[in-house]
Protein backbone atom coordinates (compact mmCIF):
# COMPACT_ATOMS: atom_id res chain seq x y z
CA UNK A 1 0.00 0.00 0.00
CA UNK A 2 1.18 3.50 -0.67
CA UNK A 3 1.53 5.09 2.75
CA UNK A 4 2.46 8.48 1.30
CA UNK A 5 -1.26 8.99 0.67
CA UNK A 6 -1.71 9.23 4.45
CA UNK A 7 0.73 12.13 4.80
CA UNK A 8 -1.83 14.88 3.98
CA UNK A 9 -4.22 13.37 6.52
CA UNK A 10 -1.52 13.33 9.17
CA UNK A 11 -0.70 16.97 8.41
CA UNK A 12 -4.39 17.88 8.64
CA UNK A 13 -4.79 16.00 11.94
CA UNK A 14 -1.75 17.71 13.40
CA UNK A 15 -2.98 21.16 12.30
CA UNK A 16 -6.48 20.53 13.67
CA UNK A 17 -5.09 19.27 16.98
CA UNK A 18 -2.81 22.28 17.30
CA UNK A 19 -5.67 24.68 16.56
CA UNK A 20 -7.90 22.94 19.10
CA UNK A 21 -5.13 23.07 21.71
CA UNK A 22 -4.59 26.81 21.18
CA UNK A 23 -8.31 27.60 21.31
CA UNK A 24 -8.78 25.68 24.55
CA UNK A 25 -5.83 27.40 26.25
CA UNK A 26 -8.20 29.98 27.76
CA UNK A 27 -10.22 27.17 29.36
CA UNK A 28 -7.12 25.51 30.80
CA UNK A 29 -5.63 28.63 32.38
CA UNK A 30 -7.94 28.60 35.40
CA UNK A 31 -9.32 25.59 37.25
CA UNK A 32 -13.01 24.97 36.59
CA UNK A 33 -13.96 25.52 40.22
CA UNK A 34 -12.61 29.07 40.25
CA UNK A 35 -15.09 31.82 39.59
CA UNK A 36 -13.97 34.53 37.19
CA UNK A 37 -15.71 37.40 35.52
CA UNK A 38 -17.21 36.88 32.11
CA UNK A 39 -15.44 39.95 30.80
CA UNK A 40 -11.99 38.60 31.71
CA UNK A 41 -12.76 35.27 30.07
CA UNK A 42 -14.06 36.99 26.93
CA UNK A 43 -10.90 39.11 26.69
CA UNK A 44 -8.72 36.00 26.97
CA UNK A 45 -10.66 34.29 24.17
CA UNK A 46 -10.44 37.40 21.99
CA UNK A 47 -6.68 37.62 22.50
CA UNK A 48 -6.28 33.97 21.52
CA UNK A 49 -8.46 34.52 18.45
CA UNK A 50 -6.49 37.63 17.41
CA UNK A 51 -3.18 35.77 17.76
CA UNK A 52 -4.54 32.93 15.61
CA UNK A 53 -5.79 35.38 12.97
CA UNK A 54 -2.36 36.98 12.75
CA UNK A 55 -0.67 33.63 12.06
CA UNK A 56 -3.11 32.44 9.39
PDB file of N, CA and C in Angstrom:
ATOM      1  N   UNK A   1       0.856  -1.193   0.000  1.00  0.00           N
ATOM      2  CA  UNK A   1       0.000   0.000   0.000  1.00  0.00           C
ATOM      3  C   UNK A   1       0.891   1.242   0.000  1.00  0.00           C
ATOM      4  N   UNK A   2       0.402   2.273  -0.586  1.00  0.00           N
ATOM      5  CA  UNK A   2       1.181   3.504  -0.669  1.00  0.00           C
ATOM      6  C   UNK A   2       0.871   4.389   0.547  1.00  0.00           C
ATOM      7  N   UNK A   3       1.769   4.367   1.500  1.00  0.00           N
ATOM      8  CA  UNK A   3       1.531   5.089   2.745  1.00  0.00           C
ATOM      9  C   UNK A   3       1.681   6.599   2.594  1.00  0.00           C
ATOM     10  N   UNK A   4       2.296   7.043   1.498  1.00  0.00           N
ATOM     11  CA  UNK A   4       2.459   8.480   1.303  1.00  0.00           C
ATOM     12  C   UNK A   4       1.119   9.176   1.126  1.00  0.00           C
ATOM     13  N   UNK A   5       0.081   8.419   0.799  1.00  0.00           N
ATOM     14  CA  UNK A   5      -1.265   8.993   0.668  1.00  0.00           C
ATOM     15  C   UNK A   5      -1.763   9.464   2.033  1.00  0.00           C
ATOM     16  N   UNK A   6      -1.282   8.862   3.100  1.00  0.00           N
ATOM     17  CA  UNK A   6      -1.715   9.229   4.448  1.00  0.00           C
ATOM     18  C   UNK A   6      -1.054  10.511   4.958  1.00  0.00           C
ATOM     19  N   UNK A   7       0.011  10.954   4.321  1.00  0.00           N
ATOM     20  CA  UNK A   7       0.735  12.133   4.795  1.00  0.00           C
ATOM     21  C   UNK A   7      -0.150  13.374   4.867  1.00  0.00           C
ATOM     22  N   UNK A   8      -0.953  13.700   3.854  1.00  0.00           N
ATOM     23  CA  UNK A   8      -1.829  14.883   3.981  1.00  0.00           C
ATOM     24  C   UNK A   8      -2.813  14.768   5.142  1.00  0.00           C
ATOM     25  N   UNK A   9      -3.305  13.554   5.389  1.00  0.00           N
ATOM     26  CA  UNK A   9      -4.222  13.369   6.516  1.00  0.00           C
ATOM     27  C   UNK A   9      -3.512  13.571   7.853  1.00  0.00           C
ATOM     28  N   UNK A  10      -2.286  13.130   7.938  1.00  0.00           N
ATOM     29  CA  UNK A  10      -1.515  13.331   9.165  1.00  0.00           C
ATOM     30  C   UNK A  10      -1.243  14.821   9.386  1.00  0.00           C
ATOM     31  N   UNK A  11      -0.926  15.528   8.309  1.00  0.00           N
ATOM     32  CA  UNK A  11      -0.697  16.972   8.413  1.00  0.00           C
ATOM     33  C   UNK A  11      -1.978  17.665   8.857  1.00  0.00           C
ATOM     34  N   UNK A  12      -3.096  17.290   8.261  1.00  0.00           N
ATOM     35  CA  UNK A  12      -4.385  17.878   8.639  1.00  0.00           C
ATOM     36  C   UNK A  12      -4.710  17.599  10.110  1.00  0.00           C
ATOM     37  N   UNK A  13      -4.508  16.366  10.547  1.00  0.00           N
ATOM     38  CA  UNK A  13      -4.794  16.001  11.936  1.00  0.00           C
ATOM     39  C   UNK A  13      -3.915  16.789  12.899  1.00  0.00           C
ATOM     40  N   UNK A  14      -2.658  16.947  12.559  1.00  0.00           N
ATOM     41  CA  UNK A  14      -1.749  17.714  13.400  1.00  0.00           C
ATOM     42  C   UNK A  14      -2.175  19.183  13.473  1.00  0.00           C
ATOM     43  N   UNK A  15      -2.544  19.762  12.332  1.00  0.00           N
ATOM     44  CA  UNK A  15      -2.983  21.160  12.302  1.00  0.00           C
ATOM     45  C   UNK A  15      -4.273  21.347  13.099  1.00  0.00           C
ATOM     46  N   UNK A  16      -5.214  20.434  12.939  1.00  0.00           N
ATOM     47  CA  UNK A  16      -6.482  20.530  13.674  1.00  0.00           C
ATOM     48  C   UNK A  16      -6.250  20.380  15.176  1.00  0.00           C
ATOM     49  N   UNK A  17      -5.399  19.455  15.554  1.00  0.00           N
ATOM     50  CA  UNK A  17      -5.091  19.270  16.977  1.00  0.00           C
ATOM     51  C   UNK A  17      -4.416  20.483  17.573  1.00  0.00           C
ATOM     52  N   UNK A  18      -3.492  21.080  16.822  1.00  0.00           N
ATOM     53  CA  UNK A  18      -2.807  22.284  17.299  1.00  0.00           C
ATOM     54  C   UNK A  18      -3.784  23.434  17.462  1.00  0.00           C
ATOM     55  N   UNK A  19      -4.675  23.608  16.497  1.00  0.00           N
ATOM     56  CA  UNK A  19      -5.670  24.682  16.556  1.00  0.00           C
ATOM     57  C   UNK A  19      -6.588  24.478  17.758  1.00  0.00           C
ATOM     58  N   UNK A  20      -7.039  23.247  17.960  1.00  0.00           N
ATOM     59  CA  UNK A  20      -7.898  22.942  19.096  1.00  0.00           C
ATOM     60  C   UNK A  20      -7.181  23.236  20.412  1.00  0.00           C
ATOM     61  N   UNK A  21      -5.911  22.848  20.500  1.00  0.00           N
ATOM     62  CA  UNK A  21      -5.128  23.071  21.711  1.00  0.00           C
ATOM     63  C   UNK A  21      -5.007  24.558  22.015  1.00  0.00           C
ATOM     64  N   UNK A  22      -4.754  25.369  20.977  1.00  0.00           N
ATOM     65  CA  UNK A  22      -4.593  26.810  21.175  1.00  0.00           C
ATOM     66  C   UNK A  22      -5.911  27.468  21.563  1.00  0.00           C
ATOM     67  N   UNK A  23      -7.013  27.009  20.983  1.00  0.00           N
ATOM     68  CA  UNK A  23      -8.312  27.602  21.312  1.00  0.00           C
ATOM     69  C   UNK A  23      -8.753  27.248  22.726  1.00  0.00           C
ATOM     70  N   UNK A  24      -8.368  26.089  23.211  1.00  0.00           N
ATOM     71  CA  UNK A  24      -8.783  25.678  24.548  1.00  0.00           C
ATOM     72  C   UNK A  24      -7.822  26.148  25.634  1.00  0.00           C
ATOM     73  N   UNK A  25      -6.786  26.889  25.257  1.00  0.00           N
ATOM     74  CA  UNK A  25      -5.834  27.404  26.248  1.00  0.00           C
ATOM     75  C   UNK A  25      -6.538  28.271  27.281  1.00  0.00           C
ATOM     76  N   UNK A  26      -7.481  29.099  26.838  1.00  0.00           N
ATOM     77  CA  UNK A  26      -8.202  29.976  27.760  1.00  0.00           C
ATOM     78  C   UNK A  26      -8.974  29.169  28.804  1.00  0.00           C
ATOM     79  N   UNK A  27      -9.490  28.016  28.414  1.00  0.00           N
ATOM     80  CA  UNK A  27     -10.222  27.175  29.362  1.00  0.00           C
ATOM     81  C   UNK A  27      -9.288  26.519  30.367  1.00  0.00           C
ATOM     82  N   UNK A  28      -8.065  26.224  29.939  1.00  0.00           N
ATOM     83  CA  UNK A  28      -7.121  25.508  30.801  1.00  0.00           C
ATOM     84  C   UNK A  28      -6.345  26.423  31.727  1.00  0.00           C
ATOM     85  N   UNK A  29      -6.413  27.714  31.541  1.00  0.00           N
ATOM     86  CA  UNK A  29      -5.633  28.633  32.377  1.00  0.00           C
ATOM     87  C   UNK A  29      -6.097  28.639  33.822  1.00  0.00           C
ATOM     88  N   UNK A  30      -7.397  28.578  34.030  1.00  0.00           N
ATOM     89  CA  UNK A  30      -7.941  28.595  35.396  1.00  0.00           C
ATOM     90  C   UNK A  30      -8.656  27.282  35.676  1.00  0.00           C
ATOM     91  N   UNK A  31      -8.558  26.797  36.900  1.00  0.00           N
ATOM     92  CA  UNK A  31      -9.324  25.595  37.254  1.00  0.00           C
ATOM     93  C   UNK A  31     -10.822  25.853  37.114  1.00  0.00           C
ATOM     94  N   UNK A  32     -11.571  24.811  36.819  1.00  0.00           N
ATOM     95  CA  UNK A  32     -13.005  24.970  36.589  1.00  0.00           C
ATOM     96  C   UNK A  32     -13.753  25.447  37.829  1.00  0.00           C
ATOM     97  N   UNK A  33     -13.274  25.125  39.001  1.00  0.00           N
ATOM     98  CA  UNK A  33     -13.959  25.518  40.223  1.00  0.00           C
ATOM     99  C   UNK A  33     -13.795  26.985  40.578  1.00  0.00           C
ATOM    100  N   UNK A  34     -12.881  27.674  39.941  1.00  0.00           N
ATOM    101  CA  UNK A  34     -12.614  29.071  40.248  1.00  0.00           C
ATOM    102  C   UNK A  34     -13.600  29.957  39.515  1.00  0.00           C
ATOM    103  N   UNK A  35     -14.165  30.904  40.242  1.00  0.00           N
ATOM    104  CA  UNK A  35     -15.091  31.823  39.586  1.00  0.00           C
ATOM    105  C   UNK A  35     -14.300  33.009  39.031  1.00  0.00           C
ATOM    106  N   UNK A  36     -14.612  33.384  37.805  1.00  0.00           N
ATOM    107  CA  UNK A  36     -13.969  34.534  37.189  1.00  0.00           C
ATOM    108  C   UNK A  36     -15.030  35.329  36.449  1.00  0.00           C
ATOM    109  N   UNK A  37     -14.719  36.568  36.193  1.00  0.00           N
ATOM    110  CA  UNK A  37     -15.705  37.398  35.523  1.00  0.00           C
ATOM    111  C   UNK A  37     -15.815  37.015  34.054  1.00  0.00           C
ATOM    112  N   UNK A  38     -16.965  37.194  33.517  1.00  0.00           N
ATOM    113  CA  UNK A  38     -17.212  36.879  32.106  1.00  0.00           C
ATOM    114  C   UNK A  38     -16.374  37.766  31.208  1.00  0.00           C
ATOM    115  N   UNK A  39     -16.208  39.000  31.617  1.00  0.00           N
ATOM    116  CA  UNK A  39     -15.439  39.950  30.804  1.00  0.00           C
ATOM    117  C   UNK A  39     -13.978  39.513  30.671  1.00  0.00           C
ATOM    118  N   UNK A  40     -13.372  39.060  31.745  1.00  0.00           N
ATOM    119  CA  UNK A  40     -11.988  38.598  31.706  1.00  0.00           C
ATOM    120  C   UNK A  40     -11.848  37.388  30.799  1.00  0.00           C
ATOM    121  N   UNK A  41     -12.794  36.469  30.901  1.00  0.00           N
ATOM    122  CA  UNK A  41     -12.762  35.274  30.071  1.00  0.00           C
ATOM    123  C   UNK A  41     -12.929  35.637  28.599  1.00  0.00           C
ATOM    124  N   UNK A  42     -13.834  36.548  28.299  1.00  0.00           N
ATOM    125  CA  UNK A  42     -14.064  36.988  26.929  1.00  0.00           C
ATOM    126  C   UNK A  42     -12.809  37.627  26.356  1.00  0.00           C
ATOM    127  N   UNK A  43     -12.135  38.461  27.148  1.00  0.00           N
ATOM    128  CA  UNK A  43     -10.903  39.106  26.694  1.00  0.00           C
ATOM    129  C   UNK A  43      -9.819  38.071  26.380  1.00  0.00           C
ATOM    130  N   UNK A  44      -9.719  37.049  27.212  1.00  0.00           N
ATOM    131  CA  UNK A  44      -8.722  36.000  26.965  1.00  0.00           C
ATOM    132  C   UNK A  44      -9.021  35.260  25.664  1.00  0.00           C
ATOM    133  N   UNK A  45     -10.285  34.959  25.412  1.00  0.00           N
ATOM    134  CA  UNK A  45     -10.657  34.291  24.168  1.00  0.00           C
ATOM    135  C   UNK A  45     -10.391  35.180  22.959  1.00  0.00           C
ATOM    136  N   UNK A  46     -10.678  36.476  23.097  1.00  0.00           N
ATOM    137  CA  UNK A  46     -10.437  37.399  21.987  1.00  0.00           C
ATOM    138  C   UNK A  46      -8.941  37.516  21.682  1.00  0.00           C
ATOM    139  N   UNK A  47      -8.120  37.540  22.712  1.00  0.00           N
ATOM    140  CA  UNK A  47      -6.677  37.622  22.499  1.00  0.00           C
ATOM    141  C   UNK A  47      -6.170  36.375  21.781  1.00  0.00           C
ATOM    142  N   UNK A  48      -6.671  35.208  22.181  1.00  0.00           N
ATOM    143  CA  UNK A  48      -6.283  33.969  21.520  1.00  0.00           C
ATOM    144  C   UNK A  48      -6.724  33.997  20.072  1.00  0.00           C
ATOM    145  N   UNK A  49      -7.936  34.459  19.818  1.00  0.00           N
ATOM    146  CA  UNK A  49      -8.457  34.523  18.452  1.00  0.00           C
ATOM    147  C   UNK A  49      -7.624  35.484  17.599  1.00  0.00           C
ATOM    148  N   UNK A  50      -7.276  36.648  18.160  1.00  0.00           N
ATOM    149  CA  UNK A  50      -6.487  37.627  17.407  1.00  0.00           C
ATOM    150  C   UNK A  50      -5.096  37.081  17.083  1.00  0.00           C
ATOM    151  N   UNK A  51      -4.485  36.375  18.021  1.00  0.00           N
ATOM    152  CA  UNK A  51      -3.183  35.768  17.759  1.00  0.00           C
ATOM    153  C   UNK A  51      -3.291  34.755  16.631  1.00  0.00           C
ATOM    154  N   UNK A  52      -4.353  33.947  16.659  1.00  0.00           N
ATOM    155  CA  UNK A  52      -4.545  32.935  15.614  1.00  0.00           C
ATOM    156  C   UNK A  52      -4.796  33.587  14.256  1.00  0.00           C
ATOM    157  N   UNK A  53      -5.512  34.692  14.233  1.00  0.00           N
ATOM    158  CA  UNK A  53      -5.789  35.376  12.968  1.00  0.00           C
ATOM    159  C   UNK A  53      -4.514  35.969  12.375  1.00  0.00           C
ATOM    160  N   UNK A  54      -3.606  36.405  13.224  1.00  0.00           N
ATOM    161  CA  UNK A  54      -2.357  36.978  12.746  1.00  0.00           C
ATOM    162  C   UNK A  54      -1.431  35.948  12.139  1.00  0.00           C
ATOM    163  N   UNK A  55      -1.553  34.699  12.551  1.00  0.00           N
ATOM    164  CA  UNK A  55      -0.666  33.631  12.065  1.00  0.00           C
ATOM    165  C   UNK A  55      -1.232  32.923  10.851  1.00  0.00           C
ATOM    166  N   UNK A  56      -2.505  33.138  10.542  1.00  0.00           N
ATOM    167  CA  UNK A  56      -3.107  32.444   9.394  1.00  0.00           C
ATOM    168  C   UNK A  56      -2.704  33.078   8.086  1.00  0.00           C
TER     169      UNK A  56
END
